[in-house]
C-alpha atoms as a PDB file:
ATOM      1  CA  UNK A   1      -6.765 -31.866  51.870  1.00  0.00           C
ATOM      2  CA  UNK A   2      -5.031 -35.108  52.602  1.00  0.00           C
ATOM      3  CA  UNK A   3      -3.415 -37.686  50.399  1.00  0.00           C
ATOM      4  CA  UNK A   4      -6.483 -39.859  50.774  1.00  0.00           C
ATOM      5  CA  UNK A   5      -8.642 -37.121  49.191  1.00  0.00           C
ATOM      6  CA  UNK A   6      -6.507 -36.750  46.037  1.00  0.00           C
ATOM      7  CA  UNK A   7      -7.061 -39.254  43.276  1.00  0.00           C
ATOM      8  CA  UNK A   8      -4.094 -41.414  42.479  1.00  0.00           C
ATOM      9  CA  UNK A   9      -2.710 -41.005  38.959  1.00  0.00           C
ATOM     10  CA  UNK A  10      -0.640 -43.695  37.385  1.00  0.00           C
ATOM     11  CA  UNK A  11       2.880 -42.526  36.403  1.00  0.00           C
ATOM     12  CA  UNK A  12       2.431 -43.945  32.902  1.00  0.00           C
ATOM     13  CA  UNK A  13      -0.766 -41.919  32.496  1.00  0.00           C
ATOM     14  CA  UNK A  14       0.998 -38.783  33.738  1.00  0.00           C
ATOM     15  CA  UNK A  15       3.877 -39.301  31.300  1.00  0.00           C
ATOM     16  CA  UNK A  16       1.481 -39.855  28.390  1.00  0.00           C
ATOM     17  CA  UNK A  17      -0.448 -36.669  29.321  1.00  0.00           C
ATOM     18  CA  UNK A  18       2.793 -34.660  29.444  1.00  0.00           C
ATOM     19  CA  UNK A  19       3.830 -36.041  26.053  1.00  0.00           C
ATOM     20  CA  UNK A  20       0.415 -35.177  24.618  1.00  0.00           C
ATOM     21  CA  UNK A  21       0.628 -31.639  26.067  1.00  0.00           C
ATOM     22  CA  UNK A  22       4.084 -31.174  24.516  1.00  0.00           C
ATOM     23  CA  UNK A  23       2.769 -32.443  21.169  1.00  0.00           C
ATOM     24  CA  UNK A  24      -0.174 -30.034  21.290  1.00  0.00           C
ATOM     25  CA  UNK A  25       2.095 -27.115  22.188  1.00  0.00           C
ATOM     26  CA  UNK A  26       4.263 -27.926  19.168  1.00  0.00           C
ATOM     27  CA  UNK A  27       1.162 -28.020  16.944  1.00  0.00           C
ATOM     28  CA  UNK A  28       0.087 -24.618  18.287  1.00  0.00           C
ATOM     29  CA  UNK A  29       3.552 -23.176  17.517  1.00  0.00           C
ATOM     30  CA  UNK A  30       3.477 -24.649  13.988  1.00  0.00           C
ATOM     31  CA  UNK A  31      -0.019 -23.300  13.305  1.00  0.00           C
ATOM     32  CA  UNK A  32       0.966 -19.885  14.656  1.00  0.00           C
ATOM     33  CA  UNK A  33       4.003 -19.759  12.360  1.00  0.00           C
ATOM     34  CA  UNK A  34       1.864 -20.856   9.401  1.00  0.00           C
ATOM     35  CA  UNK A  35      -0.753 -18.196  10.184  1.00  0.00           C
ATOM     36  CA  UNK A  36       1.946 -15.505  10.313  1.00  0.00           C
ATOM     37  CA  UNK A  37       3.395 -16.727   6.999  1.00  0.00           C
ATOM     38  CA  UNK A  38      -0.082 -16.634   5.420  1.00  0.00           C
ATOM     39  CA  UNK A  39      -0.653 -13.123   6.761  1.00  0.00           C
ATOM     40  CA  UNK A  40       2.663 -11.919   5.325  1.00  0.00           C
ATOM     41  CA  UNK A  41       1.946 -13.536   1.952  1.00  0.00           C
ATOM     42  CA  UNK A  42      -1.550 -12.027   1.739  1.00  0.00           C
ATOM     43  CA  UNK A  43      -0.154  -8.580   2.534  1.00  0.00           C
ATOM     44  CA  UNK A  44       2.546  -9.032  -0.109  1.00  0.00           C
ATOM     45  CA  UNK A  45      -0.085 -10.102  -2.645  1.00  0.00           C
ATOM     46  CA  UNK A  46      -2.141  -7.000  -1.894  1.00  0.00           C
ATOM     47  CA  UNK A  47       0.920  -4.782  -2.303  1.00  0.00           C
ATOM     48  CA  UNK A  48       1.859  -6.584  -5.534  1.00  0.00           C
ATOM     49  CA  UNK A  49      -1.581  -5.896  -6.991  1.00  0.00           C
ATOM     50  CA  UNK A  50      -1.335  -2.236  -5.950  1.00  0.00           C
ATOM     51  CA  UNK A  51       2.130  -2.012  -7.532  1.00  0.00           C
ATOM     52  CA  UNK A  52       0.844  -3.480 -10.806  1.00  0.00           C
ATOM     53  CA  UNK A  53       2.538  -6.878 -10.791  1.00  0.00           C
ATOM     54  CA  UNK A  54       1.636  -8.736 -13.955  1.00  0.00           C
ATOM     55  CA  UNK A  55       1.883 -12.269 -12.536  1.00  0.00           C
ATOM     56  CA  UNK A  56       1.697 -12.997  -8.803  1.00  0.00           C
ATOM     57  CA  UNK A  57       3.927 -16.045  -9.315  1.00  0.00           C
ATOM     58  CA  UNK A  58       6.740 -13.484  -9.242  1.00  0.00           C
ATOM     59  CA  UNK A  59       6.259 -13.300  -5.467  1.00  0.00           C
ATOM     60  CA  UNK A  60       8.192 -16.562  -5.231  1.00  0.00           C
ATOM     61  CA  UNK A  61      11.307 -14.513  -6.018  1.00  0.00           C
ATOM     62  CA  UNK A  62      10.690 -12.128  -3.123  1.00  0.00           C
ATOM     63  CA  UNK A  63      12.240 -12.754   0.279  1.00  0.00           C
ATOM     64  CA  UNK A  64       9.437 -12.312   2.854  1.00  0.00           C
ATOM     65  CA  UNK A  65      11.901 -11.890   5.741  1.00  0.00           C
ATOM     66  CA  UNK A  66      11.844  -8.102   5.207  1.00  0.00           C
ATOM     67  CA  UNK A  67       8.197  -8.065   6.291  1.00  0.00           C
ATOM     68  CA  UNK A  68       7.464  -8.152  10.001  1.00  0.00           C
ATOM     69  CA  UNK A  69       4.296  -9.090  11.875  1.00  0.00           C
ATOM     70  CA  UNK A  70       3.592  -7.399  15.193  1.00  0.00           C
ATOM     71  CA  UNK A  71       2.088  -9.062  18.245  1.00  0.00           C
ATOM     72  CA  UNK A  72      -1.366  -7.779  17.345  1.00  0.00           C
ATOM     73  CA  UNK A  73      -1.096  -9.009  13.762  1.00  0.00           C
ATOM     74  CA  UNK A  74      -0.158  -5.727  12.087  1.00  0.00           C
ATOM     75  CA  UNK A  75       2.118  -6.201   9.086  1.00  0.00           C
ATOM     76  CA  UNK A  76       4.911  -3.689   8.481  1.00  0.00           C
ATOM     77  CA  UNK A  77       7.417  -3.373   5.694  1.00  0.00           C
ATOM     78  CA  UNK A  78       5.367  -4.907   2.875  1.00  0.00           C
ATOM     79  CA  UNK A  79       5.079  -1.692   0.851  1.00  0.00           C
ATOM     80  CA  UNK A  80       8.793  -0.955   1.222  1.00  0.00           C
ATOM     81  CA  UNK A  81       9.749  -4.499   0.251  1.00  0.00           C
ATOM     82  CA  UNK A  82       7.483  -4.358  -2.794  1.00  0.00           C
ATOM     83  CA  UNK A  83       8.935  -1.018  -3.897  1.00  0.00           C
ATOM     84  CA  UNK A  84      12.486  -2.426  -3.662  1.00  0.00           C
ATOM     85  CA  UNK A  85      11.348  -5.534  -5.530  1.00  0.00           C
ATOM     86  CA  UNK A  86       9.783  -3.393  -8.249  1.00  0.00           C
ATOM     87  CA  UNK A  87      13.035  -1.481  -8.724  1.00  0.00           C
ATOM     88  CA  UNK A  88      15.064  -4.708  -8.777  1.00  0.00           C
ATOM     89  CA  UNK A  89      12.794  -6.632 -11.183  1.00  0.00           C
ATOM     90  CA  UNK A  90      10.787  -4.114 -13.233  1.00  0.00           C
ATOM     91  CA  UNK A  91       9.866  -6.641 -15.942  1.00  0.00           C
ATOM     92  CA  UNK A  92       7.483  -8.321 -13.481  1.00  0.00           C
ATOM     93  CA  UNK A  93       5.362  -5.191 -13.333  1.00  0.00           C
ATOM     94  CA  UNK A  94       3.155  -3.690 -15.996  1.00  0.00           C
ATOM     95  CA  UNK A  95       3.364  -0.103 -17.121  1.00  0.00           C
ATOM     96  CA  UNK A  96       0.987   2.506 -15.882  1.00  0.00           C
ATOM     97  CA  UNK A  97      -2.279   2.321 -17.737  1.00  0.00           C
ATOM     98  CA  UNK A  98      -5.003   4.904 -18.037  1.00  0.00           C
ATOM     99  CA  UNK A  99      -7.555   2.396 -19.189  1.00  0.00           C
ATOM    100  CA  UNK A 100     -10.195   1.082 -16.883  1.00  0.00           C
ATOM    101  CA  UNK A 101     -12.169  -2.113 -16.879  1.00  0.00           C
ATOM    102  CA  UNK A 102     -15.427  -0.228 -16.452  1.00  0.00           C
ATOM    103  CA  UNK A 103     -17.936  -0.673 -19.243  1.00  0.00           C
ATOM    104  CA  UNK A 104     -19.363   2.565 -20.637  1.00  0.00           C
ATOM    105  CA  UNK A 105     -23.126   2.880 -20.605  1.00  0.00           C
ATOM    106  CA  UNK A 106     -24.883   1.855 -23.824  1.00  0.00           C
ATOM    107  CA  UNK A 107     -25.408   4.673 -26.273  1.00  0.00           C
ATOM    108  CA  UNK A 108     -28.942   5.822 -26.854  1.00  0.00           C
ATOM    109  CA  UNK A 109     -30.058   7.789 -29.884  1.00  0.00           C
ATOM    110  CA  UNK A 110     -31.079  11.351 -29.120  1.00  0.00           C
ATOM    111  CA  UNK A 111     -34.743  11.568 -28.347  1.00  0.00           C
ATOM    112  CA  UNK A 112     -36.873  14.495 -29.397  1.00  0.00           C
ATOM    113  CA  UNK A 113     -38.228  16.490 -26.513  1.00  0.00           C
ATOM    114  CA  UNK A 114     -41.988  16.306 -26.203  1.00  0.00           C
ATOM    115  CA  UNK A 115     -44.084  19.457 -26.138  1.00  0.00           C
ATOM    116  CA  UNK A 116     -45.402  18.477 -22.699  1.00  0.00           C
ATOM    117  CA  UNK A 117     -41.823  18.443 -21.347  1.00  0.00           C
ATOM    118  CA  UNK A 118     -40.986  21.923 -22.727  1.00  0.00           C
ATOM    119  CA  UNK A 119     -41.311  25.289 -21.102  1.00  0.00           C
ATOM    120  CA  UNK A 120     -43.476  27.849 -22.880  1.00  0.00           C
ATOM    121  CA  UNK A 121     -40.427  29.610 -24.390  1.00  0.00           C
ATOM    122  CA  UNK A 122     -38.964  26.289 -25.611  1.00  0.00           C
ATOM    123  CA  UNK A 123     -42.324  25.350 -27.174  1.00  0.00           C
ATOM    124  CA  UNK A 124     -42.637  28.645 -28.997  1.00  0.00           C
ATOM    125  CA  UNK A 125     -39.044  28.413 -30.323  1.00  0.00           C
ATOM    126  CA  UNK A 126     -39.534  24.797 -31.480  1.00  0.00           C
ATOM    127  CA  UNK A 127     -42.863  25.646 -33.127  1.00  0.00           C
ATOM    128  CA  UNK A 128     -41.351  28.641 -34.916  1.00  0.00           C
ATOM    129  CA  UNK A 129     -38.445  26.463 -36.182  1.00  0.00           C
ATOM    130  CA  UNK A 130     -40.895  23.860 -37.435  1.00  0.00           C
ATOM    131  CA  UNK A 131     -43.057  26.430 -39.215  1.00  0.00           C
ATOM    132  CA  UNK A 132     -39.972  27.900 -40.922  1.00  0.00           C
ATOM    133  CA  UNK A 133     -38.974  24.452 -42.277  1.00  0.00           C
ATOM    134  CA  UNK A 134     -42.343  23.812 -43.826  1.00  0.00           C
END
């Protein structure tokens, strides 16, 4: 390859491309930091719900620097940080509750068993009880 084969690039164009590349690299770094911060906050929210935090606005009082994010995106230290936070500020957490939010099934009145659903022994016992009442 000779100099005649390579396209000539204006120095101003080259400088503007380098500046644009530097700007894009900075945007990538900023977005990466924001993604890590979002990942840490979502993990802390999940731990706060598990710990029984009454209001998640209390997470603003927690220092997220104790939580680390690995290279593959695994979050470590959130449970430990939440346990320390719970001991330090117990009023932000509700007491243990045995109640559930599940709705019990509707009650149905007891239904008399039909003769066709009974075994022969059950039929004879029910018939004898009915005859005694009359």
